Amino acid sequence: MSDSRGEPFDDVLQRFTESSAAAKDLVGALHGRLNTAYSAIGHVAYKDGPEEQE
């Protein structure tokens, strides 16, 4: 037994494994979308600010 709920350890381990795999898939998707967003707007960070007028 794994905890006070009496849930078998194998069930807990299986659920953890499935959750970890789902989290890995979601992180991969997020990484891809962030790369796409950076490619689209990343150049903005490198532009000079407005020049001061004298």
C-alpha atoms as a PDB file:
ATOM      1  CA  MET A   1       0.000   0.000   0.000  1.00  0.00           C
ATOM      2  CA  SER A   2       1.252   3.460  -0.861  1.00  0.00           C
ATOM      3  CA  ASP A   3      -0.768   5.791   1.356  1.00  0.00           C
ATOM      4  CA  SER A   4      -3.610   6.039   3.855  1.00  0.00           C
ATOM      5  CA  ARG A   5      -6.211   5.736   1.090  1.00  0.00           C
ATOM      6  CA  GLY A   6      -5.132   2.156   0.550  1.00  0.00           C
ATOM      7  CA  GLU A   7      -4.396   2.660  -3.128  1.00  0.00           C
ATOM      8  CA  PRO A   8      -2.058  -0.017  -4.511  1.00  0.00           C
ATOM      9  CA  PHE A   9       1.414   1.272  -5.303  1.00  0.00           C
ATOM     10  CA  ASP A  10       1.264  -0.131  -8.835  1.00  0.00           C
ATOM     11  CA  ASP A  11      -1.803   2.012  -9.586  1.00  0.00           C
ATOM     12  CA  VAL A  12      -0.136   5.125  -8.217  1.00  0.00           C
ATOM     13  CA  LEU A  13       3.003   4.409 -10.213  1.00  0.00           C
ATOM     14  CA  GLN A  14       0.995   3.825 -13.410  1.00  0.00           C
ATOM     15  CA  ARG A  15      -0.915   7.094 -12.967  1.00  0.00           C
ATOM     16  CA  PHE A  16       2.346   8.952 -12.298  1.00  0.00           C
ATOM     17  CA  THR A  17       3.927   7.464 -15.432  1.00  0.00           C
ATOM     18  CA  GLU A  18       0.941   8.448 -17.576  1.00  0.00           C
ATOM     19  CA  SER A  19       0.880  11.961 -16.107  1.00  0.00           C
ATOM     20  CA  SER A  20       4.592  12.391 -16.697  1.00  0.00           C
ATOM     21  CA  ALA A  21       4.236  11.345 -20.334  1.00  0.00           C
ATOM     22  CA  ALA A  22       1.342  13.778 -20.807  1.00  0.00           C
ATOM     23  CA  ALA A  23       3.366  16.577 -19.210  1.00  0.00           C
ATOM     24  CA  LYS A  24       6.298  15.820 -21.515  1.00  0.00           C
ATOM     25  CA  ASP A  25       3.999  16.047 -24.557  1.00  0.00           C
ATOM     26  CA  LEU A  26       2.537  19.353 -23.353  1.00  0.00           C
ATOM     27  CA  VAL A  27       5.989  20.819 -22.708  1.00  0.00           C
ATOM     28  CA  GLY A  28       7.055  19.817 -26.216  1.00  0.00           C
ATOM     29  CA  ALA A  29       4.001  21.523 -27.709  1.00  0.00           C
ATOM     30  CA  LEU A  30       4.612  24.652 -25.633  1.00  0.00           C
ATOM     31  CA  HIS A  31       8.244  24.736 -26.732  1.00  0.00           C
ATOM     32  CA  GLY A  32       7.206  24.566 -30.363  1.00  0.00           C
ATOM     33  CA  ARG A  33       4.670  27.357 -29.978  1.00  0.00           C
ATOM     34  CA  LEU A  34       7.140  29.569 -28.120  1.00  0.00           C
ATOM     35  CA  ASN A  35       9.684  29.048 -30.890  1.00  0.00           C
ATOM     36  CA  THR A  36       7.063  30.059 -33.452  1.00  0.00           C
ATOM     37  CA  ALA A  37       6.154  33.170 -31.459  1.00  0.00           C
ATOM     38  CA  TYR A  38       9.800  34.129 -30.998  1.00  0.00           C
ATOM     39  CA  SER A  39      10.442  33.703 -34.716  1.00  0.00           C
ATOM     40  CA  ALA A  40       7.529  36.007 -35.447  1.00  0.00           C
ATOM     41  CA  ILE A  41       8.371  38.806 -32.997  1.00  0.00           C
ATOM     42  CA  GLY A  42      11.894  38.168 -31.715  1.00  0.00           C
ATOM     43  CA  HIS A  43      13.368  40.734 -34.051  1.00  0.00           C
ATOM     44  CA  VAL A  44      11.495  43.470 -32.172  1.00  0.00           C
ATOM     45  CA  ALA A  45      13.775  43.006 -29.179  1.00  0.00           C
ATOM     46  CA  TYR A  46      16.827  43.820 -31.269  1.00  0.00           C
ATOM     47  CA  LYS A  47      15.582  47.003 -32.886  1.00  0.00           C
ATOM     48  CA  ASP A  48      16.985  50.282 -31.604  1.00  0.00           C
ATOM     49  CA  GLY A  49      14.664  52.509 -29.694  1.00  0.00           C
ATOM     50  CA  PRO A  50      13.509  55.807 -31.145  1.00  0.00           C
ATOM     51  CA  GLU A  51      16.338  58.225 -31.645  1.00  0.00           C
ATOM     52  CA  GLU A  52      16.239  61.361 -29.587  1.00  0.00           C
ATOM     53  CA  GLN A  53      15.598  64.555 -31.515  1.00  0.00           C
ATOM     54  CA  GLU A  54      17.744  67.579 -30.739  1.00  0.00           C
END
